[in-house]
Amino acid sequence: MIPLVFHPVYSQLALPVRHRFPIEKYQAIRDKLAECAVPDNWFYQPQPLAINDLKEYFCPDYLSDLLAGTLEPNAMRRIGFPWSEQLIRRTLTAVAGTCLTARQALEHGKALNLTGGYHHAFADFGSGFCMLNDLYLAARTMLETAGVDKVLIVDCDVHQGDGTAKLAEHNPDIITLSLHGEKNFPHRKQISDMDFPLPKGTGDDDYLDTLDSALSLALSLHRPDAVIYDAGVDVHINDDLGHLNISTAGIYRRDKLVFERCELAGLPVAAVIGGGYQRDIAALTEVHLQLFRAAGVVKQTLPARD
């Protein structure tokens, strides 16, 4: 069994017409996994985090205003969502899902959350569709476990994990690695422990060579006890916001590389699906599905080279 974490609330958010965020994709991935005969008993349902679970890591005033809906309008514009009670419920549940995924990975060797990768959230503000940083919280969750003294966050979303880098900058037990588009959001980058900016138009071979070198360096230099993997597919050639030229087959090879390198090193992996912004939800779902194929959740079929 490979634990999978999902809650229907992941896709339950009313957004304005033509909103940039593809909220439907989470349920679409869950439905596709059911079509692929993934057993229901592989799925775990998270419960929303309580505010007391967050106060140690995030600014109390920010948390209070976020939960109450009293953030300044410009702060909500920076986040990119209209405030609603459902938004808060979804956020607290999604972040809890990544923490649950981290615990399940430590127990089973790997686990995957059907959302996650909210890496633009800082301690005192949200940004880029991210309000609470689940990757950082999941790393702290792992560090509470005996025998886990260092966690490596491998972030392959096309956008730099700026919030994660800032939150972890003074914590030597959390190593941040970001492989991202050089000329892409956020325009003001933070300093991760390891940054690998890629030029526009980067294709499969250069991308995978860079990731291979990055993983080798990170594993040998930092010797982590566990890994959190953000498998964003906004690197895809057809993604509206990506500007890289990675094929579907390339994404499968990327995800497979991460799992294989971690398995070889005996490291548990907690994976999240990360960003992906094609408006064609069926096409986007197929790209995200490469993560589940690479993890062995569903049988691999050779993806189209597009």
Protein backbone atom coordinates (compact mmCIF):
# COMPACT_ATOMS: atom_id res chain seq x y z
CA MET A 1 0.00 0.00 0.00
CA ILE A 2 1.12 3.53 -0.81
CA PRO A 3 -0.80 6.03 1.35
CA LEU A 4 -2.65 8.74 -0.57
CA VAL A 5 -4.12 11.78 1.16
CA PHE A 6 -7.25 13.47 -0.16
CA HIS A 7 -10.29 15.41 0.99
CA PRO A 8 -13.14 16.54 -1.29
CA VAL A 9 -12.73 20.06 0.06
CA TYR A 10 -9.53 20.34 -1.98
CA SER A 11 -11.72 21.13 -5.01
CA GLN A 12 -14.61 22.77 -3.18
CA LEU A 13 -14.04 26.48 -3.58
CA ALA A 14 -16.19 28.94 -5.49
CA LEU A 15 -13.98 31.18 -7.62
CA PRO A 16 -14.75 33.93 -10.13
CA VAL A 17 -15.31 32.86 -13.73
CA ARG A 18 -12.02 32.32 -15.60
CA HIS A 19 -10.02 32.51 -12.38
CA ARG A 20 -6.45 31.45 -12.99
CA PHE A 21 -6.40 28.70 -10.32
CA PRO A 22 -7.55 25.25 -11.58
CA ILE A 23 -9.47 24.26 -8.47
CA GLU A 24 -11.15 21.30 -10.22
CA LYS A 25 -7.92 19.38 -10.74
CA TYR A 26 -7.75 17.79 -7.29
CA GLN A 27 -11.07 15.97 -7.60
CA ALA A 28 -10.17 15.11 -11.19
CA ILE A 29 -6.98 13.40 -10.02
CA ARG A 30 -8.91 11.49 -7.36
CA ASP A 31 -11.45 10.36 -9.96
CA LYS A 32 -8.71 9.30 -12.37
CA LEU A 33 -7.02 7.22 -9.69
CA ALA A 34 -10.35 5.49 -9.05
CA GLU A 35 -10.59 4.74 -12.78
CA CYS A 36 -7.11 3.21 -12.53
CA ALA A 37 -8.45 0.84 -9.83
CA VAL A 38 -6.48 2.34 -6.95
CA PRO A 39 -8.13 0.86 -3.82
CA ASP A 40 -10.21 3.18 -1.64
CA ASN A 41 -8.41 1.94 1.47
CA TRP A 42 -5.18 3.55 0.23
CA PHE A 43 -6.75 6.97 0.83
CA TYR A 44 -6.52 8.91 4.09
CA GLN A 45 -8.69 11.94 4.82
CA PRO A 46 -7.11 14.80 6.78
CA GLN A 47 -8.86 16.91 9.36
CA PRO A 48 -8.33 20.70 9.39
CA LEU A 49 -5.49 22.03 11.48
CA ALA A 50 -6.33 24.11 14.54
CA ILE A 51 -4.90 27.60 14.92
CA ASN A 52 -2.85 26.45 17.92
CA ASP A 53 -0.99 24.11 15.56
CA LEU A 54 0.16 27.13 13.57
CA LYS A 55 1.04 29.84 16.10
CA GLU A 56 4.56 28.56 16.67
CA TYR A 57 5.49 29.01 13.02
CA PHE A 58 3.36 31.88 11.68
CA CYS A 59 2.74 35.45 12.80
CA PRO A 60 -0.22 35.51 15.24
CA ASP A 61 -1.60 38.76 13.80
CA TYR A 62 -1.47 37.36 10.27
CA LEU A 63 -3.20 34.16 11.39
CA SER A 64 -5.87 36.09 13.24
CA ASP A 65 -6.63 38.38 10.30
CA LEU A 66 -6.51 35.52 7.80
CA LEU A 67 -8.94 33.34 9.71
CA ALA A 68 -11.28 36.25 10.50
CA GLY A 69 -11.29 37.66 6.98
CA THR A 70 -9.86 40.99 8.09
CA LEU A 71 -6.68 41.06 6.01
CA GLU A 72 -6.16 44.27 4.07
CA PRO A 73 -7.45 44.11 0.46
CA ASN A 74 -3.93 44.37 -0.95
CA ALA A 75 -2.89 41.37 1.17
CA MET A 76 -5.73 39.31 -0.28
CA ARG A 77 -4.83 40.47 -3.78
CA ARG A 78 -1.31 39.24 -3.18
CA ILE A 79 -2.74 35.85 -2.23
CA GLY A 80 -4.93 35.81 -5.32
CA PHE A 81 -8.17 34.42 -3.86
CA PRO A 82 -11.32 36.16 -2.61
CA TRP A 83 -11.74 35.50 1.11
CA SER A 84 -14.43 33.08 2.25
CA GLU A 85 -15.00 30.69 5.13
CA GLN A 86 -14.68 27.85 2.64
CA LEU A 87 -11.26 29.14 1.58
CA ILE A 88 -10.08 28.94 5.18
CA ARG A 89 -11.53 25.46 5.68
CA ARG A 90 -9.91 24.28 2.47
CA THR A 91 -6.56 25.82 3.41
CA LEU A 92 -6.46 24.31 6.89
CA THR A 93 -7.43 20.91 5.49
CA ALA A 94 -4.93 20.98 2.60
CA VAL A 95 -2.05 21.93 4.90
CA ALA A 96 -3.10 19.23 7.35
CA GLY A 97 -3.05 16.83 4.41
CA THR A 98 0.62 17.48 3.74
CA CYS A 99 1.49 17.00 7.41
CA LEU A 100 -0.46 13.72 7.37
CA THR A 101 1.41 12.73 4.21
CA ALA A 102 4.70 13.38 6.00
CA ARG A 103 3.73 11.08 8.88
CA GLN A 104 2.54 8.37 6.50
CA ALA A 105 5.78 8.60 4.50
CA LEU A 106 7.82 7.98 7.62
CA GLU A 107 5.73 4.90 8.35
CA HIS A 108 5.40 3.45 4.82
CA GLY A 109 8.43 4.80 2.94
CA LYS A 110 6.44 7.04 0.62
CA ALA A 111 3.11 8.85 0.62
CA LEU A 112 1.42 11.37 -1.69
CA ASN A 113 -0.94 14.26 -1.09
CA LEU A 114 -3.39 15.11 -3.88
CA THR A 115 -2.79 18.80 -3.22
CA GLY A 116 0.00 20.79 -1.61
CA GLY A 117 3.08 22.72 -2.44
CA TYR A 118 1.96 26.05 -0.94
CA HIS A 119 5.51 27.30 -0.99
CA HIS A 120 4.91 31.04 -1.52
CA ALA A 121 3.46 31.50 1.98
CA PHE A 122 5.70 33.35 4.44
CA ALA A 123 5.41 33.65 8.21
CA ASP A 124 3.44 36.89 8.03
CA PHE A 125 1.81 37.02 4.60
CA GLY A 126 0.50 34.87 1.79
CA SER A 127 1.29 35.08 -1.90
CA GLY A 128 0.68 33.32 -5.20
CA PHE A 129 -2.36 31.23 -4.12
CA CYS A 130 -0.53 30.19 -0.92
CA MET A 131 -1.66 31.17 2.57
CA LEU A 132 0.05 28.69 4.89
CA ASN A 133 3.29 26.95 4.00
CA ASP A 134 2.55 23.24 4.12
CA LEU A 135 6.05 22.16 3.07
CA TYR A 136 7.64 23.89 6.04
CA LEU A 137 5.00 22.57 8.42
CA ALA A 138 5.45 19.04 7.08
CA ALA A 139 9.20 19.29 7.59
CA ARG A 140 8.67 20.38 11.19
CA THR A 141 6.26 17.46 11.59
CA MET A 142 8.92 15.03 10.39
CA LEU A 143 11.52 16.52 12.72
CA GLU A 144 9.30 15.68 15.70
CA THR A 145 9.86 11.99 14.94
CA ALA A 146 12.70 10.14 16.63
CA GLY A 147 15.55 9.45 14.22
CA VAL A 148 14.69 12.33 11.89
CA ASP A 149 17.24 15.05 12.45
CA LYS A 150 17.35 16.64 8.99
CA VAL A 151 14.74 17.02 6.24
CA LEU A 152 15.42 17.89 2.61
CA ILE A 153 12.70 19.75 0.69
CA VAL A 154 13.11 19.12 -3.05
CA ASP A 155 10.98 21.72 -4.83
CA CYS A 156 10.59 21.16 -8.57
CA ASP A 157 7.71 23.55 -9.09
CA VAL A 158 8.58 26.03 -11.86
CA HIS A 159 8.25 28.89 -9.37
CA GLN A 160 10.90 29.25 -6.69
CA GLY A 161 9.86 28.13 -3.20
CA ASP A 162 10.52 31.58 -1.78
CA GLY A 163 8.34 31.30 1.30
CA THR A 164 9.85 27.96 2.24
CA ALA A 165 13.37 29.30 1.81
CA LYS A 166 12.65 32.27 4.06
CA LEU A 167 10.91 30.23 6.76
CA ALA A 168 13.75 27.72 6.90
CA GLU A 169 16.68 30.10 6.45
CA HIS A 170 17.78 29.91 10.10
CA ASN A 171 16.90 26.24 10.63
CA PRO A 172 19.87 24.00 9.75
CA ASP A 173 17.65 20.92 10.11
CA ILE A 174 15.54 21.87 7.05
CA ILE A 175 17.42 21.99 3.75
CA THR A 176 15.68 23.77 0.87
CA LEU A 177 16.45 22.85 -2.74
CA SER A 178 14.63 24.72 -5.49
CA LEU A 179 14.84 23.87 -9.19
CA HIS A 180 12.86 26.63 -10.89
CA GLY A 181 12.48 28.96 -13.84
CA GLU A 182 14.96 31.81 -13.62
CA LYS A 183 12.67 34.38 -15.24
CA ASN A 184 9.38 33.60 -13.54
CA PHE A 185 7.35 34.37 -10.44
CA PRO A 186 8.37 35.36 -7.81
CA HIS A 187 10.29 38.22 -9.31
CA ARG A 188 12.13 38.78 -6.03
CA LYS A 189 13.76 35.45 -5.23
CA GLN A 190 14.81 34.33 -1.77
CA ILE A 191 17.98 32.36 -1.05
CA SER A 192 17.39 28.63 -0.65
CA ASP A 193 20.13 26.37 0.66
CA MET A 194 20.44 25.19 -2.95
CA ASP A 195 19.00 27.11 -5.89
CA PHE A 196 19.07 25.90 -9.50
CA PRO A 197 17.54 28.58 -11.75
CA LEU A 198 16.80 27.44 -15.31
CA PRO A 199 16.51 29.62 -18.42
CA LYS A 200 13.30 29.88 -20.42
CA GLY A 201 12.86 27.07 -22.90
CA THR A 202 14.87 24.48 -20.95
CA GLY A 203 14.07 21.00 -22.30
CA ASP A 204 14.02 17.49 -20.88
CA ASP A 205 17.68 16.56 -21.09
CA ASP A 206 19.13 19.72 -19.55
CA TYR A 207 16.40 19.74 -16.90
CA LEU A 208 16.99 16.12 -15.87
CA ASP A 209 20.76 16.51 -15.90
CA THR A 210 20.46 19.50 -13.57
CA LEU A 211 18.10 17.65 -11.23
CA ASP A 212 20.36 14.59 -11.16
CA SER A 213 23.35 16.72 -10.19
CA ALA A 214 21.29 18.66 -7.65
CA LEU A 215 20.06 15.50 -5.94
CA SER A 216 23.54 13.98 -5.86
CA LEU A 217 24.95 17.12 -4.28
CA ALA A 218 22.14 17.53 -1.76
CA LEU A 219 22.16 13.92 -0.60
CA SER A 220 25.94 13.71 -0.25
CA LEU A 221 26.41 17.14 1.30
CA HIS A 222 23.48 17.26 3.72
CA ARG A 223 22.69 13.57 4.35
CA PRO A 224 18.98 14.07 5.18
CA ASP A 225 16.85 11.54 7.02
CA ALA A 226 13.68 12.26 5.01
CA VAL A 227 12.57 14.10 1.88
CA ILE A 228 9.57 16.25 1.00
CA TYR A 229 9.04 16.49 -2.75
CA ASP A 230 7.04 19.20 -4.52
CA ALA A 231 6.29 17.70 -7.95
CA GLY A 232 4.88 20.78 -9.65
CA VAL A 233 3.96 20.18 -13.28
CA ASP A 234 3.97 23.84 -14.29
CA VAL A 235 7.32 23.01 -15.89
CA HIS A 236 5.33 21.29 -18.66
CA ILE A 237 5.66 22.58 -22.21
CA ASN A 238 1.91 23.25 -22.41
CA ASP A 239 1.59 25.00 -19.07
CA ASP A 240 0.26 28.54 -19.27
CA LEU A 241 2.61 29.91 -16.60
CA GLY A 242 5.73 27.79 -16.93
CA HIS A 243 7.97 28.92 -19.84
CA LEU A 244 9.93 25.64 -19.78
CA ASN A 245 9.71 22.88 -22.39
CA ILE A 246 9.41 19.71 -20.32
CA SER A 247 7.42 16.89 -21.93
CA THR A 248 4.99 14.57 -20.17
CA ALA A 249 7.59 11.81 -20.51
CA GLY A 250 10.16 14.17 -19.02
CA ILE A 251 7.97 14.79 -15.98
CA TYR A 252 7.58 11.05 -15.47
CA ARG A 253 11.36 10.61 -15.68
CA ARG A 254 11.86 13.49 -13.23
CA ASP A 255 9.47 12.03 -10.66
CA LYS A 256 10.91 8.55 -11.13
CA LEU A 257 14.41 9.92 -10.60
CA VAL A 258 13.45 11.51 -7.28
CA PHE A 259 11.78 8.36 -5.96
CA GLU A 260 14.59 6.08 -7.13
CA ARG A 261 17.37 8.21 -5.68
CA CYS A 262 15.58 8.47 -2.35
CA GLU A 263 14.80 4.75 -2.28
CA LEU A 264 18.43 3.94 -3.01
CA ALA A 265 19.45 6.15 -0.09
CA GLY A 266 16.81 4.61 2.19
CA LEU A 267 14.93 7.90 2.55
CA PRO A 268 11.16 8.21 3.02
CA VAL A 269 9.47 10.61 0.60
CA ALA A 270 6.37 12.71 1.21
CA ALA A 271 5.22 14.08 -2.16
CA VAL A 272 2.75 16.82 -3.07
CA ILE A 273 1.44 17.53 -6.56
CA GLY A 274 2.45 21.20 -6.71
CA GLY A 275 1.47 23.70 -9.37
CA GLY A 276 -0.01 23.12 -12.80
CA TYR A 277 -2.02 25.68 -14.74
CA GLN A 278 -3.28 24.28 -18.02
CA ARG A 279 -6.91 25.26 -18.42
CA ASP A 280 -7.68 21.88 -19.98
CA ILE A 281 -8.33 19.96 -16.76
CA ALA A 282 -8.21 16.55 -18.43
CA ALA A 283 -4.82 17.30 -19.97
CA LEU A 284 -3.55 18.77 -16.70
CA THR A 285 -4.74 15.72 -14.77
CA GLU A 286 -2.81 13.42 -17.10
CA VAL A 287 0.40 15.37 -16.48
CA HIS A 288 -0.10 15.28 -12.71
CA LEU A 289 -0.77 11.54 -12.95
CA GLN A 290 2.89 10.97 -13.84
CA LEU A 291 3.74 11.41 -10.16
CA PHE A 292 1.46 8.54 -9.23
CA ARG A 293 2.87 6.38 -12.00
CA ALA A 294 6.42 7.12 -10.94
CA ALA A 295 5.57 6.26 -7.34
CA GLY A 296 4.07 2.93 -8.36
CA VAL A 297 0.51 3.88 -7.39
CA VAL A 298 -0.75 3.10 -10.88
CA LYS A 299 0.80 1.09 -13.69
CA GLN A 300 3.01 3.11 -15.96
CA THR A 301 2.14 3.48 -19.62
CA LEU A 302 4.50 5.38 -21.87
CA PRO A 303 3.30 9.01 -21.91
CA ALA A 304 3.09 10.94 -25.14
CA ARG A 305 6.12 13.09 -25.87
CA ASP A 306 4.35 16.42 -25.73
